[in-house]
Amino acid sequence: RLMKESLKLGTRNVAIDPDSEADELLAPGRNTVEAV
């Protein structure tokens, strides 16, 4: 959360889904929220 807030890109309130698979989270993001 602290890393996300430091970017100041308006994504701080969009949490990472804890049920996401690691392979998905390590892939390049296809929008700003995913990229962050």
PDB file of all heavy atoms in Angstrom:
ATOM      1  N   ARG A   1       0.818  -1.210   0.000  1.00  0.00           N
ATOM      2  CA  ARG A   1       0.000   0.000   0.000  1.00  0.00           C
ATOM      3  C   ARG A   1       0.853   1.261   0.000  1.00  0.00           C
ATOM      4  O   ARG A   1       0.541   2.248  -0.662  1.00  0.00           O
ATOM      5  CB  ARG A   1      -0.941  -0.015   1.205  1.00  0.00           C
ATOM      6  CG  ARG A   1      -2.033  -1.070   1.113  1.00  0.00           C
ATOM      7  CD  ARG A   1      -2.798  -1.202   2.426  1.00  0.00           C
ATOM      8  NE  ARG A   1      -3.875  -2.169   2.327  1.00  0.00           N
ATOM      9  CZ  ARG A   1      -3.709  -3.483   2.396  1.00  0.00           C
ATOM     10  NH1 ARG A   1      -2.500  -3.982   2.575  1.00  0.00           N
ATOM     11  NH2 ARG A   1      -4.738  -4.302   2.303  1.00  0.00           N
ATOM     12  N   LEU A   2       1.946   1.232   0.750  1.00  0.00           N
ATOM     13  CA  LEU A   2       2.823   2.399   0.813  1.00  0.00           C
ATOM     14  C   LEU A   2       3.480   2.669  -0.530  1.00  0.00           C
ATOM     15  O   LEU A   2       3.612   3.821  -0.969  1.00  0.00           O
ATOM     16  CB  LEU A   2       3.886   2.185   1.901  1.00  0.00           C
ATOM     17  CG  LEU A   2       4.736   3.398   2.281  1.00  0.00           C
ATOM     18  CD1 LEU A   2       3.851   4.545   2.745  1.00  0.00           C
ATOM     19  CD2 LEU A   2       5.732   3.012   3.371  1.00  0.00           C
ATOM     20  N   MET A   3       3.899   1.611  -1.221  1.00  0.00           N
ATOM     21  CA  MET A   3       4.481   1.792  -2.549  1.00  0.00           C
ATOM     22  C   MET A   3       3.452   2.379  -3.513  1.00  0.00           C
ATOM     23  O   MET A   3       3.773   3.254  -4.331  1.00  0.00           O
ATOM     24  CB  MET A   3       5.006   0.457  -3.086  1.00  0.00           C
ATOM     25  CG  MET A   3       6.353   0.051  -2.519  1.00  0.00           C
ATOM     26  SD  MET A   3       7.120  -1.309  -3.440  1.00  0.00           S
ATOM     27  CE  MET A   3       6.410  -2.720  -2.610  1.00  0.00           C
ATOM     28  N   LYS A   4       2.231   1.901  -3.400  1.00  0.00           N
ATOM     29  CA  LYS A   4       1.183   2.391  -4.302  1.00  0.00           C
ATOM     30  C   LYS A   4       0.891   3.866  -4.043  1.00  0.00           C
ATOM     31  O   LYS A   4       0.775   4.674  -4.974  1.00  0.00           O
ATOM     32  CB  LYS A   4      -0.083   1.556  -4.117  1.00  0.00           C
ATOM     33  CG  LYS A   4      -1.169   1.869  -5.141  1.00  0.00           C
ATOM     34  CD  LYS A   4      -2.414   1.049  -4.903  1.00  0.00           C
ATOM     35  CE  LYS A   4      -2.127  -0.430  -5.063  1.00  0.00           C
ATOM     36  NZ  LYS A   4      -3.385  -1.221  -5.022  1.00  0.00           N
ATOM     37  N   GLU A   5       0.810   4.248  -2.764  1.00  0.00           N
ATOM     38  CA  GLU A   5       0.537   5.642  -2.429  1.00  0.00           C
ATOM     39  C   GLU A   5       1.652   6.565  -2.910  1.00  0.00           C
ATOM     40  O   GLU A   5       1.404   7.703  -3.317  1.00  0.00           O
ATOM     41  CB  GLU A   5       0.367   5.783  -0.915  1.00  0.00           C
ATOM     42  CG  GLU A   5      -0.920   5.167  -0.384  1.00  0.00           C
ATOM     43  CD  GLU A   5      -0.987   5.184   1.131  1.00  0.00           C
ATOM     44  OE1 GLU A   5      -0.146   5.874   1.753  1.00  0.00           O
ATOM     45  OE2 GLU A   5      -1.870   4.513   1.691  1.00  0.00           O
ATOM     46  N   SER A   6       2.892   6.071  -2.900  1.00  0.00           N
ATOM     47  CA  SER A   6       4.020   6.919  -3.278  1.00  0.00           C
ATOM     48  C   SER A   6       3.987   7.295  -4.756  1.00  0.00           C
ATOM     49  O   SER A   6       4.588   8.302  -5.155  1.00  0.00           O
ATOM     50  CB  SER A   6       5.338   6.211  -2.945  1.00  0.00           C
ATOM     51  OG  SER A   6       5.566   5.128  -3.827  1.00  0.00           O
ATOM     52  N   LEU A   7       3.290   6.493  -5.565  1.00  0.00           N
ATOM     53  CA  LEU A   7       3.239   6.769  -6.997  1.00  0.00           C
ATOM     54  C   LEU A   7       2.267   7.890  -7.342  1.00  0.00           C
ATOM     55  O   LEU A   7       2.364   8.497  -8.407  1.00  0.00           O
ATOM     56  CB  LEU A   7       2.857   5.498  -7.765  1.00  0.00           C
ATOM     57  CG  LEU A   7       3.911   4.397  -7.759  1.00  0.00           C
ATOM     58  CD1 LEU A   7       3.370   3.140  -8.418  1.00  0.00           C
ATOM     59  CD2 LEU A   7       5.170   4.846  -8.477  1.00  0.00           C
ATOM     60  N   LYS A   8       1.293   8.146  -6.449  1.00  0.00           N
ATOM     61  CA  LYS A   8       0.335   9.245  -6.636  1.00  0.00           C
ATOM     62  C   LYS A   8      -0.333   9.199  -8.008  1.00  0.00           C
ATOM     63  O   LYS A   8      -0.414  10.198  -8.733  1.00  0.00           O
ATOM     64  CB  LYS A   8       1.020  10.599  -6.423  1.00  0.00           C
ATOM     65  CG  LYS A   8       1.645  10.750  -5.035  1.00  0.00           C
ATOM     66  CD  LYS A   8       2.194  12.133  -4.814  1.00  0.00           C
ATOM     67  CE  LYS A   8       2.906  12.244  -3.468  1.00  0.00           C
ATOM     68  NZ  LYS A   8       2.092  11.881  -2.321  1.00  0.00           N
ATOM     69  N   LEU A   9      -0.798   8.000  -8.365  1.00  0.00           N
ATOM     70  CA  LEU A   9      -1.465   7.829  -9.656  1.00  0.00           C
ATOM     71  C   LEU A   9      -2.956   7.544  -9.511  1.00  0.00           C
ATOM     72  O   LEU A   9      -3.597   7.083 -10.446  1.00  0.00           O
ATOM     73  CB  LEU A   9      -0.799   6.684 -10.442  1.00  0.00           C
ATOM     74  CG  LEU A   9       0.642   6.943 -10.896  1.00  0.00           C
ATOM     75  CD1 LEU A   9       1.212   5.709 -11.576  1.00  0.00           C
ATOM     76  CD2 LEU A   9       0.693   8.129 -11.849  1.00  0.00           C
ATOM     77  N   GLY A  10      -3.486   7.801  -8.327  1.00  0.00           N
ATOM     78  CA  GLY A  10      -4.919   7.614  -8.120  1.00  0.00           C
ATOM     79  C   GLY A  10      -5.348   6.168  -8.036  1.00  0.00           C
ATOM     80  O   GLY A  10      -6.520   5.857  -8.265  1.00  0.00           O
ATOM     81  N   THR A  11      -4.420   5.268  -7.700  1.00  0.00           N
ATOM     82  CA  THR A  11      -4.758   3.840  -7.652  1.00  0.00           C
ATOM     83  C   THR A  11      -4.708   3.287  -6.230  1.00  0.00           C
ATOM     84  O   THR A  11      -4.836   2.082  -6.035  1.00  0.00           O
ATOM     85  CB  THR A  11      -3.773   3.028  -8.513  1.00  0.00           C
ATOM     86  OG1 THR A  11      -2.450   3.194  -7.997  1.00  0.00           O
ATOM     87  CG2 THR A  11      -3.821   3.484  -9.958  1.00  0.00           C
ATOM     88  N   ARG A  12      -4.536   4.140  -5.237  1.00  0.00           N
ATOM     89  CA  ARG A  12      -4.289   3.666  -3.873  1.00  0.00           C
ATOM     90  C   ARG A  12      -5.444   2.855  -3.313  1.00  0.00           C
ATOM     91  O   ARG A  12      -5.249   1.976  -2.480  1.00  0.00           O
ATOM     92  CB  ARG A  12      -3.995   4.845  -2.946  1.00  0.00           C
ATOM     93  CG  ARG A  12      -5.115   5.872  -2.862  1.00  0.00           C
ATOM     94  CD  ARG A  12      -4.746   7.016  -1.931  1.00  0.00           C
ATOM     95  NE  ARG A  12      -4.579   6.565  -0.564  1.00  0.00           N
ATOM     96  CZ  ARG A  12      -4.267   7.374   0.438  1.00  0.00           C
ATOM     97  NH1 ARG A  12      -4.045   8.657   0.216  1.00  0.00           N
ATOM     98  NH2 ARG A  12      -4.152   6.912   1.661  1.00  0.00           N
ATOM     99  N   ASN A  13      -6.662   3.142  -3.759  1.00  0.00           N
ATOM    100  CA  ASN A  13      -7.836   2.446  -3.204  1.00  0.00           C
ATOM    101  C   ASN A  13      -8.217   1.198  -3.992  1.00  0.00           C
ATOM    102  O   ASN A  13      -9.238   0.578  -3.707  1.00  0.00           O
ATOM    103  CB  ASN A  13      -9.033   3.404  -3.144  1.00  0.00           C
ATOM    104  CG  ASN A  13      -8.816   4.515  -2.133  1.00  0.00           C
ATOM    105  OD1 ASN A  13      -8.251   4.279  -1.057  1.00  0.00           O
ATOM    106  ND2 ASN A  13      -9.248   5.724  -2.464  1.00  0.00           N
ATOM    107  N   VAL A  14      -7.429   0.836  -4.988  1.00  0.00           N
ATOM    108  CA  VAL A  14      -7.696  -0.376  -5.765  1.00  0.00           C
ATOM    109  C   VAL A  14      -6.725  -1.451  -5.286  1.00  0.00           C
ATOM    110  O   VAL A  14      -5.558  -1.462  -5.670  1.00  0.00           O
ATOM    111  CB  VAL A  14      -7.537  -0.135  -7.280  1.00  0.00           C
ATOM    112  CG1 VAL A  14      -7.916  -1.393  -8.045  1.00  0.00           C
ATOM    113  CG2 VAL A  14      -8.387   1.044  -7.722  1.00  0.00           C
ATOM    114  N   ALA A  15      -7.200  -2.323  -4.409  1.00  0.00           N
ATOM    115  CA  ALA A  15      -6.330  -3.311  -3.779  1.00  0.00           C
ATOM    116  C   ALA A  15      -5.977  -4.437  -4.739  1.00  0.00           C
ATOM    117  O   ALA A  15      -6.695  -4.713  -5.704  1.00  0.00           O
ATOM    118  CB  ALA A  15      -7.005  -3.885  -2.530  1.00  0.00           C
ATOM    119  N   ILE A  16      -4.855  -5.084  -4.444  1.00  0.00           N
ATOM    120  CA  ILE A  16      -4.486  -6.294  -5.182  1.00  0.00           C
ATOM    121  C   ILE A  16      -5.356  -7.433  -4.674  1.00  0.00           C
ATOM    122  O   ILE A  16      -5.485  -7.646  -3.467  1.00  0.00           O
ATOM    123  CB  ILE A  16      -3.005  -6.634  -4.956  1.00  0.00           C
ATOM    124  CG1 ILE A  16      -2.122  -5.502  -5.482  1.00  0.00           C
ATOM    125  CG2 ILE A  16      -2.633  -7.945  -5.633  1.00  0.00           C
ATOM    126  CD1 ILE A  16      -0.655  -5.689  -5.182  1.00  0.00           C
ATOM    127  N   ASP A  17      -5.969  -8.154  -5.579  1.00  0.00           N
ATOM    128  CA  ASP A  17      -6.815  -9.280  -5.199  1.00  0.00           C
ATOM    129  C   ASP A  17      -5.940 -10.387  -4.617  1.00  0.00           C
ATOM    130  O   ASP A  17      -5.080 -10.942  -5.315  1.00  0.00           O
ATOM    131  CB  ASP A  17      -7.559  -9.800  -6.427  1.00  0.00           C
ATOM    132  CG  ASP A  17      -8.520 -10.938  -6.103  1.00  0.00           C
ATOM    133  OD1 ASP A  17      -8.562 -11.369  -4.929  1.00  0.00           O
ATOM    134  OD2 ASP A  17      -9.216 -11.394  -7.025  1.00  0.00           O
ATOM    135  N   PRO A  18      -6.128 -10.729  -3.327  1.00  0.00           N
ATOM    136  CA  PRO A  18      -5.281 -11.758  -2.718  1.00  0.00           C
ATOM    137  C   PRO A  18      -5.475 -13.141  -3.318  1.00  0.00           C
ATOM    138  O   PRO A  18      -4.656 -14.037  -3.100  1.00  0.00           O
ATOM    139  CB  PRO A  18      -5.708 -11.740  -1.240  1.00  0.00           C
ATOM    140  CG  PRO A  18      -7.076 -11.163  -1.239  1.00  0.00           C
ATOM    141  CD  PRO A  18      -7.098 -10.171  -2.374  1.00  0.00           C
ATOM    142  N   ASP A  19      -6.556 -13.332  -4.102  1.00  0.00           N
ATOM    143  CA  ASP A  19      -6.794 -14.627  -4.745  1.00  0.00           C
ATOM    144  C   ASP A  19      -6.173 -14.715  -6.135  1.00  0.00           C
ATOM    145  O   ASP A  19      -6.261 -15.752  -6.790  1.00  0.00           O
ATOM    146  CB  ASP A  19      -8.302 -14.894  -4.841  1.00  0.00           C
ATOM    147  CG  ASP A  19      -8.934 -15.089  -3.469  1.00  0.00           C
ATOM    148  OD1 ASP A  19      -8.279 -15.718  -2.617  1.00  0.00           O
ATOM    149  OD2 ASP A  19     -10.053 -14.605  -3.251  1.00  0.00           O
ATOM    150  N   SER A  20      -5.558 -13.623  -6.589  1.00  0.00           N
ATOM    151  CA  SER A  20      -4.920 -13.637  -7.905  1.00  0.00           C
ATOM    152  C   SER A  20      -3.738 -14.600  -7.907  1.00  0.00           C
ATOM    153  O   SER A  20      -3.022 -14.722  -6.920  1.00  0.00           O
ATOM    154  CB  SER A  20      -4.429 -12.235  -8.273  1.00  0.00           C
ATOM    155  OG  SER A  20      -5.498 -11.323  -8.356  1.00  0.00           O
ATOM    156  N   GLU A  21      -3.540 -15.270  -9.017  1.00  0.00           N
ATOM    157  CA  GLU A  21      -2.397 -16.153  -9.154  1.00  0.00           C
ATOM    158  C   GLU A  21      -1.137 -15.324  -9.379  1.00  0.00           C
ATOM    159  O   GLU A  21      -1.176 -14.248  -9.981  1.00  0.00           O
ATOM    160  CB  GLU A  21      -2.607 -17.112 -10.318  1.00  0.00           C
ATOM    161  CG  GLU A  21      -3.736 -18.102 -10.102  1.00  0.00           C
ATOM    162  CD  GLU A  21      -3.492 -19.028  -8.915  1.00  0.00           C
ATOM    163  OE1 GLU A  21      -2.313 -19.311  -8.613  1.00  0.00           O
ATOM    164  OE2 GLU A  21      -4.478 -19.458  -8.290  1.00  0.00           O
ATOM    165  N   ALA A  22      -0.002 -15.845  -8.894  1.00  0.00           N
ATOM    166  CA  ALA A  22       1.251 -15.109  -9.008  1.00  0.00           C
ATOM    167  C   ALA A  22       1.611 -14.831 -10.466  1.00  0.00           C
ATOM    168  O   ALA A  22       2.093 -13.745 -10.801  1.00  0.00           O
ATOM    169  CB  ALA A  22       2.374 -15.881  -8.321  1.00  0.00           C
ATOM    170  N   ASP A  23       1.383 -15.808 -11.355  1.00  0.00           N
ATOM    171  CA  ASP A  23       1.720 -15.614 -12.765  1.00  0.00           C
ATOM    172  C   ASP A  23       0.970 -14.421 -13.355  1.00  0.00           C
ATOM    173  O   ASP A  23       1.518 -13.665 -14.165  1.00  0.00           O
ATOM    174  CB  ASP A  23       1.397 -16.871 -13.571  1.00  0.00           C
ATOM    175  CG  ASP A  23       2.364 -18.009 -13.274  1.00  0.00           C
ATOM    176  OD1 ASP A  23       3.412 -17.740 -12.651  1.00  0.00           O
ATOM    177  OD2 ASP A  23       2.066 -19.153 -13.646  1.00  0.00           O
ATOM    178  N   GLU A  24      -0.273 -14.260 -12.929  1.00  0.00           N
ATOM    179  CA  GLU A  24      -1.066 -13.137 -13.418  1.00  0.00           C
ATOM    180  C   GLU A  24      -0.512 -11.816 -12.893  1.00  0.00           C
ATOM    181  O   GLU A  24      -0.410 -10.831 -13.630  1.00  0.00           O
ATOM    182  CB  GLU A  24      -2.522 -13.329 -12.964  1.00  0.00           C
ATOM    183  CG  GLU A  24      -3.435 -12.154 -13.280  1.00  0.00           C
ATOM    184  CD  GLU A  24      -4.807 -12.312 -12.642  1.00  0.00           C
ATOM    185  OE1 GLU A  24      -5.187 -13.459 -12.324  1.00  0.00           O
ATOM    186  OE2 GLU A  24      -5.486 -11.290 -12.463  1.00  0.00           O
ATOM    187  N   LEU A  25      -0.140 -11.788 -11.595  1.00  0.00           N
ATOM    188  CA  LEU A  25       0.348 -10.552 -10.985  1.00  0.00           C
ATOM    189  C   LEU A  25       1.739 -10.168 -11.490  1.00  0.00           C
ATOM    190  O   LEU A  25       2.126  -9.003 -11.405  1.00  0.00           O
ATOM    191  CB  LEU A  25       0.381 -10.704  -9.461  1.00  0.00           C
ATOM    192  CG  LEU A  25      -0.983 -10.774  -8.778  1.00  0.00           C
ATOM    193  CD1 LEU A  25      -0.827 -11.156  -7.304  1.00  0.00           C
ATOM    194  CD2 LEU A  25      -1.709  -9.434  -8.892  1.00  0.00           C
ATOM    195  N   LEU A  26       2.484 -11.137 -11.999  1.00  0.00           N
ATOM    196  CA  LEU A  26       3.827 -10.850 -12.488  1.00  0.00           C
ATOM    197  C   LEU A  26       3.862 -10.526 -13.976  1.00  0.00           C
ATOM    198  O   LEU A  26       4.907 -10.184 -14.521  1.00  0.00           O
ATOM    199  CB  LEU A  26       4.749 -12.044 -12.198  1.00  0.00           C
ATOM    200  CG  LEU A  26       4.975 -12.337 -10.705  1.00  0.00           C
ATOM    201  CD1 LEU A  26       5.767 -13.617 -10.524  1.00  0.00           C
ATOM    202  CD2 LEU A  26       5.679 -11.169 -10.033  1.00  0.00           C
ATOM    203  N   ALA A  27       2.695 -10.603 -14.645  1.00  0.00           N
ATOM    204  CA  ALA A  27       2.611 -10.275 -16.070  1.00  0.00           C
ATOM    205  C   ALA A  27       2.495  -8.756 -16.236  1.00  0.00           C
ATOM    206  O   ALA A  27       2.067  -8.054 -15.322  1.00  0.00           O
ATOM    207  CB  ALA A  27       1.397 -10.964 -16.688  1.00  0.00           C
ATOM    208  N   PRO A  28       2.878  -8.219 -17.375  1.00  0.00           N
ATOM    209  CA  PRO A  28       2.728  -6.782 -17.606  1.00  0.00           C
ATOM    210  C   PRO A  28       1.269  -6.352 -17.487  1.00  0.00           C
ATOM    211  O   PRO A  28       0.358  -7.044 -17.958  1.00  0.00           O
ATOM    212  CB  PRO A  28       3.232  -6.596 -19.046  1.00  0.00           C
ATOM    213  CG  PRO A  28       4.144  -7.758 -19.285  1.00  0.00           C
ATOM    214  CD  PRO A  28       3.542  -8.898 -18.512  1.00  0.00           C
ATOM    215  N   GLY A  29       1.043  -5.214 -16.832  1.00  0.00           N
ATOM    216  CA  GLY A  29      -0.315  -4.701 -16.697  1.00  0.00           C
ATOM    217  C   GLY A  29      -0.814  -4.097 -17.993  1.00  0.00           C
ATOM    218  O   GLY A  29      -0.045  -3.496 -18.754  1.00  0.00           O
ATOM    219  N   ARG A  30      -2.132  -4.227 -18.251  1.00  0.00           N
ATOM    220  CA  ARG A  30      -2.704  -3.716 -19.501  1.00  0.00           C
ATOM    221  C   ARG A  30      -3.523  -2.449 -19.292  1.00  0.00           C
ATOM    222  O   ARG A  30      -4.219  -1.995 -20.196  1.00  0.00           O
ATOM    223  CB  ARG A  30      -3.531  -4.810 -20.164  1.00  0.00           C
ATOM    224  CG  ARG A  30      -2.671  -5.957 -20.690  1.00  0.00           C
ATOM    225  CD  ARG A  30      -3.472  -7.067 -21.278  1.00  0.00           C
ATOM    226  NE  ARG A  30      -4.264  -7.754 -20.271  1.00  0.00           N
ATOM    227  CZ  ARG A  30      -5.086  -8.769 -20.513  1.00  0.00           C
ATOM    228  NH1 ARG A  30      -5.226  -9.203 -21.768  1.00  0.00           N
ATOM    229  NH2 ARG A  30      -5.751  -9.347 -19.536  1.00  0.00           N
ATOM    230  N   ASN A  31      -3.475  -1.900 -18.089  1.00  0.00           N
ATOM    231  CA  ASN A  31      -4.029  -0.583 -17.798  1.00  0.00           C
ATOM    232  C   ASN A  31      -3.244  -0.036 -16.607  1.00  0.00           C
ATOM    233  O   ASN A  31      -2.418  -0.743 -16.021  1.00  0.00           O
ATOM    234  CB  ASN A  31      -5.540  -0.645 -17.526  1.00  0.00           C
ATOM    235  CG  ASN A  31      -5.876  -1.616 -16.407  1.00  0.00           C
ATOM    236  OD1 ASN A  31      -5.420  -1.456 -15.270  1.00  0.00           O
ATOM    237  ND2 ASN A  31      -6.670  -2.653 -16.727  1.00  0.00           N
ATOM    238  N   THR A  32      -3.482   1.204 -16.238  1.00  0.00           N
ATOM    239  CA  THR A  32      -2.658   1.839 -15.204  1.00  0.00           C
ATOM    240  C   THR A  32      -2.778   1.129 -13.860  1.00  0.00           C
ATOM    241  O   THR A  32      -1.768   0.918 -13.162  1.00  0.00           O
ATOM    242  CB  THR A  32      -3.029   3.318 -15.052  1.00  0.00           C
ATOM    243  OG1 THR A  32      -2.793   3.985 -16.290  1.00  0.00           O
ATOM    244  CG2 THR A  32      -2.183   3.986 -13.977  1.00  0.00           C
ATOM    245  N   VAL A  33      -3.984   0.751 -13.484  1.00  0.00           N
ATOM    246  CA  VAL A  33      -4.159   0.071 -12.197  1.00  0.00           C
ATOM    247  C   VAL A  33      -3.387  -1.242 -12.183  1.00  0.00           C
ATOM    248  O   VAL A  33      -2.671  -1.551 -11.222  1.00  0.00           O
ATOM    249  CB  VAL A  33      -5.657  -0.185 -11.908  1.00  0.00           C
ATOM    250  CG1 VAL A  33      -5.818  -1.100 -10.701  1.00  0.00           C
ATOM    251  CG2 VAL A  33      -6.370   1.132 -11.656  1.00  0.00           C
ATOM    252  N   GLU A  34      -3.521  -2.035 -13.253  1.00  0.00           N
ATOM    253  CA  GLU A  34      -2.786  -3.299 -13.329  1.00  0.00           C
ATOM    254  C   GLU A  34      -1.280  -3.060 -13.333  1.00  0.00           C
ATOM    255  O   GLU A  34      -0.524  -3.771 -12.667  1.00  0.00           O
ATOM    256  CB  GLU A  34      -3.182  -4.072 -14.594  1.00  0.00           C
ATOM    257  CG  GLU A  34      -4.500  -4.798 -14.487  1.00  0.00           C
ATOM    258  CD  GLU A  34      -4.724  -5.726 -15.673  1.00  0.00           C
ATOM    259  OE1 GLU A  34      -3.859  -5.769 -16.587  1.00  0.00           O
ATOM    260  OE2 GLU A  34      -5.760  -6.408 -15.700  1.00  0.00           O
ATOM    261  N   ALA A  35      -0.847  -2.061 -14.082  1.00  0.00           N
ATOM    262  CA  ALA A  35       0.588  -1.790 -14.176  1.00  0.00           C
ATOM    263  C   ALA A  35       1.170  -1.437 -12.808  1.00  0.00           C
ATOM    264  O   ALA A  35       2.260  -1.895 -12.443  1.00  0.00           O
ATOM    265  CB  ALA A  35       0.849  -0.664 -15.174  1.00  0.00           C
ATOM    266  N   VAL A  36       0.436  -0.640 -12.042  1.00  0.00           N
ATOM    267  CA  VAL A  36       0.882  -0.276 -10.696  1.00  0.00           C
ATOM    268  C   VAL A  36       0.862  -1.498  -9.782  1.00  0.00           C
ATOM    269  O   VAL A  36       1.841  -1.808  -9.098  1.00  0.00           O
ATOM    270  CB  VAL A  36       0.005   0.854 -10.119  1.00  0.00           C
ATOM    271  CG1 VAL A  36       0.289   1.034  -8.622  1.00  0.00           C
ATOM    272  CG2 VAL A  36       0.255   2.154 -10.849  1.00  0.00           C
TER     273      VAL A  36
END
